[in-house]
């Protein structure tokens, strides 16, 4: 277990994993997320700047929630992020659908096909009748 200073309030806390926030700051951030989510749901064509100003949430935090796919905007919304691979405009996440498919296909090609045929044994009866020796 590690002791760190909270990025929100500066107090010391036992850090386990995730963002470096104490329990009270993490809970406050979760409550703020719920408020932002409701606001975006009620105002589907709102921009990040307006959400940030109206609810006093940093733009970087809103973008982080979008990248984590916790927050998504309507398809006709003005908000758009760039795909980290090709630069296409996306509404949520880090990658567009085409790049996700390409990454997935590339990862699946790394592992050998498990349905390979077992080696064929010789059907010649003389082949099986040979004497075999064990190496020591």
N, C-alpha and C. Protein backbone atom coordinates (compact mmCIF):
# COMPACT_ATOMS: atom_id res chain seq x y z
N UNK A 1 0.85 -1.16 0.00
CA UNK A 1 0.00 0.00 0.00
C UNK A 1 0.90 1.23 0.00
N UNK A 2 0.48 2.25 -0.70
CA UNK A 2 1.27 3.45 -0.88
C UNK A 2 0.52 4.65 -0.33
N UNK A 3 1.22 5.59 0.26
CA UNK A 3 0.61 6.82 0.78
C UNK A 3 0.91 7.93 -0.22
N UNK A 4 -0.15 8.65 -0.63
CA UNK A 4 -0.01 9.75 -1.59
C UNK A 4 -0.81 10.95 -1.13
N UNK A 5 -0.54 12.07 -1.76
CA UNK A 5 -1.35 13.27 -1.55
C UNK A 5 -2.48 13.26 -2.58
N UNK A 6 -3.67 13.61 -2.14
CA UNK A 6 -4.84 13.68 -3.02
C UNK A 6 -4.66 14.84 -3.98
N UNK A 7 -4.93 14.61 -5.28
CA UNK A 7 -4.84 15.67 -6.28
C UNK A 7 -5.94 16.71 -6.10
N UNK A 8 -7.02 16.33 -5.43
CA UNK A 8 -8.13 17.25 -5.24
C UNK A 8 -7.96 18.17 -4.04
N UNK A 9 -7.67 17.59 -2.89
CA UNK A 9 -7.64 18.39 -1.66
C UNK A 9 -6.25 18.46 -1.01
N UNK A 10 -5.32 17.61 -1.44
CA UNK A 10 -3.97 17.64 -0.91
C UNK A 10 -3.74 16.80 0.33
N UNK A 11 -4.78 16.18 0.88
CA UNK A 11 -4.62 15.35 2.08
C UNK A 11 -3.92 14.05 1.74
N UNK A 12 -3.26 13.46 2.72
CA UNK A 12 -2.64 12.16 2.57
C UNK A 12 -3.70 11.06 2.63
N UNK A 13 -3.52 10.03 1.82
CA UNK A 13 -4.45 8.89 1.84
C UNK A 13 -3.72 7.65 1.37
N UNK A 14 -4.28 6.50 1.67
CA UNK A 14 -3.71 5.21 1.23
C UNK A 14 -4.14 4.96 -0.20
N UNK A 15 -3.20 5.01 -1.10
CA UNK A 15 -3.49 4.83 -2.53
C UNK A 15 -3.42 3.36 -2.90
N UNK A 16 -4.46 2.86 -3.58
CA UNK A 16 -4.49 1.48 -4.05
C UNK A 16 -4.33 1.42 -5.57
N UNK A 17 -5.24 2.08 -6.29
CA UNK A 17 -5.18 2.13 -7.75
C UNK A 17 -6.14 3.18 -8.26
N UNK A 18 -6.07 3.44 -9.56
CA UNK A 18 -6.97 4.42 -10.17
C UNK A 18 -6.45 5.83 -10.02
N UNK A 19 -7.35 6.80 -10.13
CA UNK A 19 -6.92 8.19 -10.02
C UNK A 19 -6.43 8.49 -8.60
N UNK A 20 -5.43 9.36 -8.47
CA UNK A 20 -4.89 9.66 -7.14
C UNK A 20 -5.78 10.62 -6.35
N UNK A 21 -6.95 10.14 -5.97
CA UNK A 21 -7.91 10.94 -5.21
C UNK A 21 -8.30 10.21 -3.94
N UNK A 22 -8.50 10.97 -2.86
CA UNK A 22 -8.97 10.36 -1.62
C UNK A 22 -10.44 9.96 -1.80
N UNK A 23 -10.99 9.23 -0.85
CA UNK A 23 -12.35 8.71 -0.98
C UNK A 23 -13.38 9.83 -1.09
N UNK A 24 -13.22 10.91 -0.32
CA UNK A 24 -14.21 11.99 -0.36
C UNK A 24 -14.15 12.74 -1.70
N UNK A 25 -12.95 12.98 -2.23
CA UNK A 25 -12.83 13.66 -3.53
C UNK A 25 -13.34 12.76 -4.66
N UNK A 26 -13.08 11.46 -4.59
CA UNK A 26 -13.57 10.53 -5.60
C UNK A 26 -15.10 10.48 -5.59
N UNK A 27 -15.69 10.51 -4.40
CA UNK A 27 -17.15 10.51 -4.29
C UNK A 27 -17.72 11.81 -4.85
N UNK A 28 -17.07 12.95 -4.56
CA UNK A 28 -17.52 14.24 -5.09
C UNK A 28 -17.42 14.26 -6.62
N UNK A 29 -16.36 13.65 -7.17
CA UNK A 29 -16.20 13.58 -8.62
C UNK A 29 -17.29 12.71 -9.26
N UNK A 30 -17.65 11.62 -8.60
CA UNK A 30 -18.73 10.76 -9.10
C UNK A 30 -20.07 11.49 -9.09
N UNK A 31 -20.32 12.26 -8.07
CA UNK A 31 -21.56 13.05 -8.01
C UNK A 31 -21.57 14.10 -9.12
N UNK A 32 -20.42 14.73 -9.36
CA UNK A 32 -20.32 15.72 -10.43
C UNK A 32 -20.54 15.07 -11.79
N UNK A 33 -20.06 13.83 -11.96
CA UNK A 33 -20.27 13.10 -13.21
C UNK A 33 -21.76 12.89 -13.44
N UNK A 34 -22.49 12.49 -12.40
CA UNK A 34 -23.93 12.26 -12.54
C UNK A 34 -24.65 13.55 -12.97
N UNK A 35 -24.24 14.69 -12.41
CA UNK A 35 -24.84 15.98 -12.78
C UNK A 35 -24.56 16.30 -14.25
N UNK A 36 -23.31 16.07 -14.68
CA UNK A 36 -22.93 16.33 -16.07
C UNK A 36 -23.70 15.41 -17.00
N UNK A 37 -23.82 14.15 -16.64
CA UNK A 37 -24.54 13.17 -17.48
C UNK A 37 -26.01 13.59 -17.65
N UNK A 38 -26.65 14.01 -16.58
CA UNK A 38 -28.04 14.46 -16.65
C UNK A 38 -28.17 15.72 -17.51
N UNK A 39 -27.22 16.63 -17.39
CA UNK A 39 -27.24 17.87 -18.16
C UNK A 39 -27.10 17.56 -19.65
N UNK A 40 -26.19 16.68 -20.00
CA UNK A 40 -25.98 16.31 -21.40
C UNK A 40 -27.22 15.59 -21.94
N UNK A 41 -27.85 14.76 -21.11
CA UNK A 41 -29.06 14.05 -21.53
C UNK A 41 -30.20 15.04 -21.80
N UNK A 42 -30.33 16.05 -20.94
CA UNK A 42 -31.39 17.06 -21.10
C UNK A 42 -31.11 18.04 -22.23
N UNK A 43 -29.84 18.27 -22.57
CA UNK A 43 -29.43 19.21 -23.62
C UNK A 43 -28.54 18.47 -24.61
N UNK A 44 -29.12 17.72 -25.55
CA UNK A 44 -28.33 16.83 -26.42
C UNK A 44 -27.36 17.55 -27.37
N UNK A 45 -27.59 18.79 -27.73
CA UNK A 45 -26.73 19.48 -28.69
C UNK A 45 -25.80 20.49 -28.01
N UNK A 46 -25.50 20.25 -26.75
CA UNK A 46 -24.66 21.16 -25.98
C UNK A 46 -23.18 20.92 -26.30
N UNK A 47 -22.35 21.96 -26.16
CA UNK A 47 -20.91 21.84 -26.39
C UNK A 47 -20.15 21.64 -25.08
N UNK A 48 -18.92 21.17 -25.19
CA UNK A 48 -18.11 20.93 -24.00
C UNK A 48 -17.88 22.22 -23.23
N UNK A 49 -17.62 23.32 -23.95
CA UNK A 49 -17.36 24.60 -23.30
C UNK A 49 -18.57 25.03 -22.46
N UNK A 50 -19.77 24.88 -23.02
CA UNK A 50 -20.98 25.27 -22.29
C UNK A 50 -21.19 24.40 -21.05
N UNK A 51 -20.96 23.10 -21.18
CA UNK A 51 -21.10 22.20 -20.03
C UNK A 51 -20.10 22.59 -18.95
N UNK A 52 -18.88 22.89 -19.37
CA UNK A 52 -17.84 23.27 -18.42
C UNK A 52 -18.19 24.55 -17.67
N UNK A 53 -18.65 25.56 -18.39
CA UNK A 53 -18.99 26.83 -17.77
C UNK A 53 -20.24 26.72 -16.90
N UNK A 54 -21.23 26.01 -17.39
CA UNK A 54 -22.51 25.91 -16.67
C UNK A 54 -22.38 25.12 -15.38
N UNK A 55 -21.62 24.03 -15.40
CA UNK A 55 -21.54 23.14 -14.24
C UNK A 55 -20.22 23.24 -13.48
N UNK A 56 -19.33 24.14 -13.93
CA UNK A 56 -18.04 24.36 -13.28
C UNK A 56 -17.22 23.07 -13.17
N UNK A 57 -17.09 22.40 -14.31
CA UNK A 57 -16.29 21.19 -14.41
C UNK A 57 -15.19 21.48 -15.44
N UNK A 58 -13.94 21.15 -15.14
CA UNK A 58 -12.88 21.41 -16.13
C UNK A 58 -13.11 20.65 -17.44
N UNK A 59 -12.73 21.30 -18.54
CA UNK A 59 -12.89 20.68 -19.86
C UNK A 59 -12.09 19.39 -19.93
N UNK A 60 -10.92 19.36 -19.31
CA UNK A 60 -10.09 18.14 -19.34
C UNK A 60 -10.80 16.97 -18.68
N UNK A 61 -11.56 17.24 -17.61
CA UNK A 61 -12.30 16.17 -16.94
C UNK A 61 -13.42 15.64 -17.83
N UNK A 62 -14.11 16.54 -18.52
CA UNK A 62 -15.18 16.11 -19.43
C UNK A 62 -14.61 15.26 -20.55
N UNK A 63 -13.48 15.70 -21.11
CA UNK A 63 -12.84 14.93 -22.18
C UNK A 63 -12.38 13.56 -21.68
N UNK A 64 -11.91 13.50 -20.44
CA UNK A 64 -11.50 12.22 -19.88
C UNK A 64 -12.69 11.27 -19.77
N UNK A 65 -13.83 11.76 -19.33
CA UNK A 65 -15.03 10.92 -19.23
C UNK A 65 -15.46 10.44 -20.62
N UNK A 66 -15.29 11.28 -21.64
CA UNK A 66 -15.64 10.89 -23.01
C UNK A 66 -14.68 9.80 -23.49
N UNK A 67 -13.39 9.99 -23.25
CA UNK A 67 -12.39 9.00 -23.66
C UNK A 67 -12.60 7.66 -22.96
N UNK A 68 -13.05 7.70 -21.70
CA UNK A 68 -13.31 6.47 -20.94
C UNK A 68 -14.62 5.81 -21.36
N UNK A 69 -15.36 6.43 -22.27
CA UNK A 69 -16.66 5.98 -22.75
C UNK A 69 -17.71 5.95 -21.63
N UNK A 70 -17.52 6.78 -20.63
CA UNK A 70 -18.52 6.93 -19.58
C UNK A 70 -19.57 7.95 -20.01
N UNK A 71 -19.18 8.83 -20.91
CA UNK A 71 -20.04 9.91 -21.37
C UNK A 71 -20.03 9.90 -22.89
N UNK A 72 -21.20 9.98 -23.49
CA UNK A 72 -21.31 10.00 -24.95
C UNK A 72 -22.29 11.09 -25.35
N UNK A 73 -22.05 11.69 -26.49
CA UNK A 73 -22.90 12.75 -26.97
C UNK A 73 -23.68 12.27 -28.19
N UNK A 74 -24.76 12.96 -28.50
CA UNK A 74 -25.61 12.59 -29.64
C UNK A 74 -24.83 12.71 -30.94
N UNK A 75 -25.24 11.97 -31.95
CA UNK A 75 -24.55 11.98 -33.24
C UNK A 75 -24.59 13.36 -33.89
N UNK A 76 -25.69 14.13 -33.67
CA UNK A 76 -25.79 15.46 -34.27
C UNK A 76 -25.24 16.56 -33.36
N UNK A 77 -24.55 16.17 -32.30
CA UNK A 77 -23.96 17.12 -31.37
C UNK A 77 -22.74 17.79 -32.00
N UNK A 78 -22.42 18.97 -31.51
CA UNK A 78 -21.24 19.69 -32.00
C UNK A 78 -19.95 19.07 -31.47
N UNK A 79 -20.04 18.30 -30.42
CA UNK A 79 -18.86 17.74 -29.77
C UNK A 79 -18.29 16.60 -30.58
N UNK A 80 -16.99 16.63 -30.73
CA UNK A 80 -16.30 15.55 -31.41
C UNK A 80 -14.85 15.51 -30.98
N UNK A 81 -14.35 14.34 -30.75
CA UNK A 81 -12.94 14.14 -30.43
C UNK A 81 -12.29 13.47 -31.62
N UNK A 82 -10.97 13.52 -31.67
CA UNK A 82 -10.25 12.88 -32.75
C UNK A 82 -9.85 11.46 -32.35
N UNK A 83 -9.99 10.55 -33.29
CA UNK A 83 -9.50 9.18 -33.10
C UNK A 83 -7.99 9.26 -32.89
N UNK A 84 -7.47 8.57 -31.90
CA UNK A 84 -6.05 8.64 -31.59
C UNK A 84 -5.19 7.96 -32.65
N UNK A 85 -5.80 7.19 -33.52
CA UNK A 85 -5.04 6.49 -34.54
C UNK A 85 -5.08 7.22 -35.89
N UNK A 86 -6.28 7.52 -36.38
CA UNK A 86 -6.39 8.09 -37.74
C UNK A 86 -6.85 9.55 -37.76
N UNK A 87 -7.36 10.08 -36.66
CA UNK A 87 -7.76 11.48 -36.61
C UNK A 87 -9.21 11.75 -37.01
N UNK A 88 -9.98 10.72 -37.30
CA UNK A 88 -11.39 10.87 -37.64
C UNK A 88 -12.15 11.39 -36.43
N UNK A 89 -13.18 12.19 -36.65
CA UNK A 89 -14.00 12.71 -35.56
C UNK A 89 -14.89 11.61 -35.00
N UNK A 90 -14.85 11.43 -33.68
CA UNK A 90 -15.67 10.41 -33.00
C UNK A 90 -16.43 11.08 -31.87
N UNK A 91 -17.45 10.43 -31.37
CA UNK A 91 -18.29 10.97 -30.31
C UNK A 91 -17.93 10.47 -28.92
N UNK A 92 -17.28 9.32 -28.82
CA UNK A 92 -16.88 8.78 -27.52
C UNK A 92 -15.75 7.79 -27.73
N UNK A 93 -14.96 7.57 -26.70
CA UNK A 93 -13.88 6.60 -26.75
C UNK A 93 -12.57 7.20 -27.24
N UNK A 94 -11.65 6.32 -27.57
CA UNK A 94 -10.33 6.74 -28.02
C UNK A 94 -10.12 6.48 -29.51
N UNK A 95 -10.83 5.47 -30.05
CA UNK A 95 -10.62 5.07 -31.43
C UNK A 95 -11.96 4.98 -32.17
N UNK A 96 -11.92 5.22 -33.49
CA UNK A 96 -13.12 5.06 -34.31
C UNK A 96 -13.37 3.56 -34.52
N UNK A 97 -14.53 3.23 -35.08
CA UNK A 97 -14.89 1.82 -35.25
C UNK A 97 -13.92 1.11 -36.18
N UNK A 98 -13.49 1.77 -37.26
CA UNK A 98 -12.57 1.14 -38.20
C UNK A 98 -11.23 0.81 -37.53
N UNK A 99 -10.72 1.73 -36.71
CA UNK A 99 -9.44 1.50 -36.03
C UNK A 99 -9.59 0.43 -34.95
N UNK A 100 -10.74 0.40 -34.26
CA UNK A 100 -10.98 -0.65 -33.27
C UNK A 100 -10.98 -2.01 -33.94
N UNK A 101 -11.64 -2.11 -35.11
CA UNK A 101 -11.68 -3.39 -35.83
C UNK A 101 -10.29 -3.80 -36.29
N UNK A 102 -9.51 -2.82 -36.77
CA UNK A 102 -8.15 -3.12 -37.23
C UNK A 102 -7.28 -3.59 -36.07
N UNK A 103 -7.38 -2.94 -34.92
CA UNK A 103 -6.63 -3.36 -33.74
C UNK A 103 -7.04 -4.75 -33.28
N UNK A 104 -8.34 -5.00 -33.27
CA UNK A 104 -8.85 -6.29 -32.85
C UNK A 104 -8.37 -7.40 -33.78
N UNK A 105 -8.42 -7.15 -35.08
CA UNK A 105 -7.98 -8.14 -36.06
C UNK A 105 -6.48 -8.39 -35.92
N UNK A 106 -5.72 -7.34 -35.66
CA UNK A 106 -4.28 -7.49 -35.49
C UNK A 106 -3.94 -8.29 -34.26
N UNK A 107 -4.68 -8.09 -33.18
CA UNK A 107 -4.44 -8.85 -31.95
C UNK A 107 -4.85 -10.31 -32.11
N UNK A 108 -5.93 -10.56 -32.83
CA UNK A 108 -6.37 -11.94 -33.00
C UNK A 108 -5.40 -12.73 -33.89
N UNK A 109 -4.67 -12.04 -34.76
CA UNK A 109 -3.70 -12.71 -35.62
C UNK A 109 -2.41 -13.05 -34.88
N UNK A 110 -2.22 -12.51 -33.68
CA UNK A 110 -1.01 -12.80 -32.91
C UNK A 110 -1.00 -14.23 -32.37
N UNK A 111 -2.17 -14.76 -32.10
CA UNK A 111 -2.28 -16.09 -31.52
C UNK A 111 -2.49 -17.12 -32.61
N UNK A 112 -1.81 -18.26 -32.51
CA UNK A 112 -1.98 -19.29 -33.55
C UNK A 112 -3.38 -19.88 -33.49
N UNK A 113 -3.80 -20.38 -34.63
CA UNK A 113 -5.10 -21.01 -34.73
C UNK A 113 -5.09 -22.31 -33.94
N UNK A 114 -5.99 -22.47 -32.99
CA UNK A 114 -6.02 -23.66 -32.13
C UNK A 114 -6.61 -24.87 -32.82
N UNK A 115 -7.17 -24.71 -33.99
CA UNK A 115 -7.82 -25.81 -34.68
C UNK A 115 -6.87 -26.48 -35.68
N UNK A 116 -5.60 -26.49 -35.40
CA UNK A 116 -4.65 -27.12 -36.30
C UNK A 116 -4.80 -28.63 -36.25
N UNK A 117 -4.52 -29.25 -37.37
CA UNK A 117 -4.64 -30.70 -37.48
C UNK A 117 -3.51 -31.36 -36.71
N UNK A 118 -3.79 -32.45 -35.98
CA UNK A 118 -2.69 -33.18 -35.33
C UNK A 118 -1.83 -33.84 -36.40
N UNK A 119 -0.55 -34.12 -36.09
CA UNK A 119 0.32 -34.74 -37.10
C UNK A 119 -0.23 -36.09 -37.54
N UNK A 120 -0.14 -36.34 -38.82
CA UNK A 120 -0.66 -37.60 -39.40
C UNK A 120 0.31 -38.73 -39.09
N UNK A 121 -0.22 -39.85 -38.62
CA UNK A 121 0.60 -41.04 -38.39
C UNK A 121 0.63 -41.89 -39.64
N UNK A 122 1.72 -42.55 -39.79
CA UNK A 122 1.88 -43.42 -40.95
C UNK A 122 0.94 -44.62 -40.82
N UNK A 123 0.33 -45.01 -41.91
CA UNK A 123 -0.57 -46.15 -41.89
C UNK A 123 0.15 -47.45 -42.26
N UNK A 124 1.43 -47.35 -42.47
CA UNK A 124 2.22 -48.52 -42.81
C UNK A 124 2.40 -49.37 -41.55
N UNK A 125 1.95 -50.66 -41.52
CA UNK A 125 2.07 -51.48 -40.33
C UNK A 125 3.52 -51.73 -39.93
N UNK A 126 4.45 -51.74 -40.88
CA UNK A 126 5.85 -51.94 -40.54
C UNK A 126 6.41 -50.75 -39.75
N UNK A 127 5.88 -49.58 -39.99
CA UNK A 127 6.34 -48.37 -39.32
C UNK A 127 6.05 -48.45 -37.81
N UNK A 128 4.90 -48.99 -37.44
CA UNK A 128 4.53 -49.10 -36.03
C UNK A 128 5.20 -50.27 -35.32
N UNK A 129 5.75 -51.24 -36.07
CA UNK A 129 6.33 -52.44 -35.48
C UNK A 129 7.79 -52.25 -35.07
N UNK A 130 8.37 -51.09 -35.32
CA UNK A 130 9.78 -50.87 -34.99
C UNK A 130 10.01 -50.81 -33.50
N UNK A 131 11.24 -51.18 -33.12
CA UNK A 131 11.62 -51.09 -31.72
C UNK A 131 12.08 -49.65 -31.45
N UNK A 132 11.68 -49.12 -30.29
CA UNK A 132 12.02 -47.75 -29.92
C UNK A 132 12.89 -47.78 -28.66
N UNK A 133 13.80 -46.84 -28.54
CA UNK A 133 14.70 -46.75 -27.40
C UNK A 133 14.46 -45.42 -26.68
N UNK A 134 14.56 -45.45 -25.37
CA UNK A 134 14.44 -44.24 -24.57
C UNK A 134 15.83 -43.65 -24.33
N UNK A 135 15.97 -42.37 -24.49
CA UNK A 135 17.25 -41.70 -24.22
C UNK A 135 17.35 -41.42 -22.73
N UNK A 136 18.53 -41.63 -22.17
CA UNK A 136 18.75 -41.37 -20.74
C UNK A 136 19.39 -40.03 -20.56
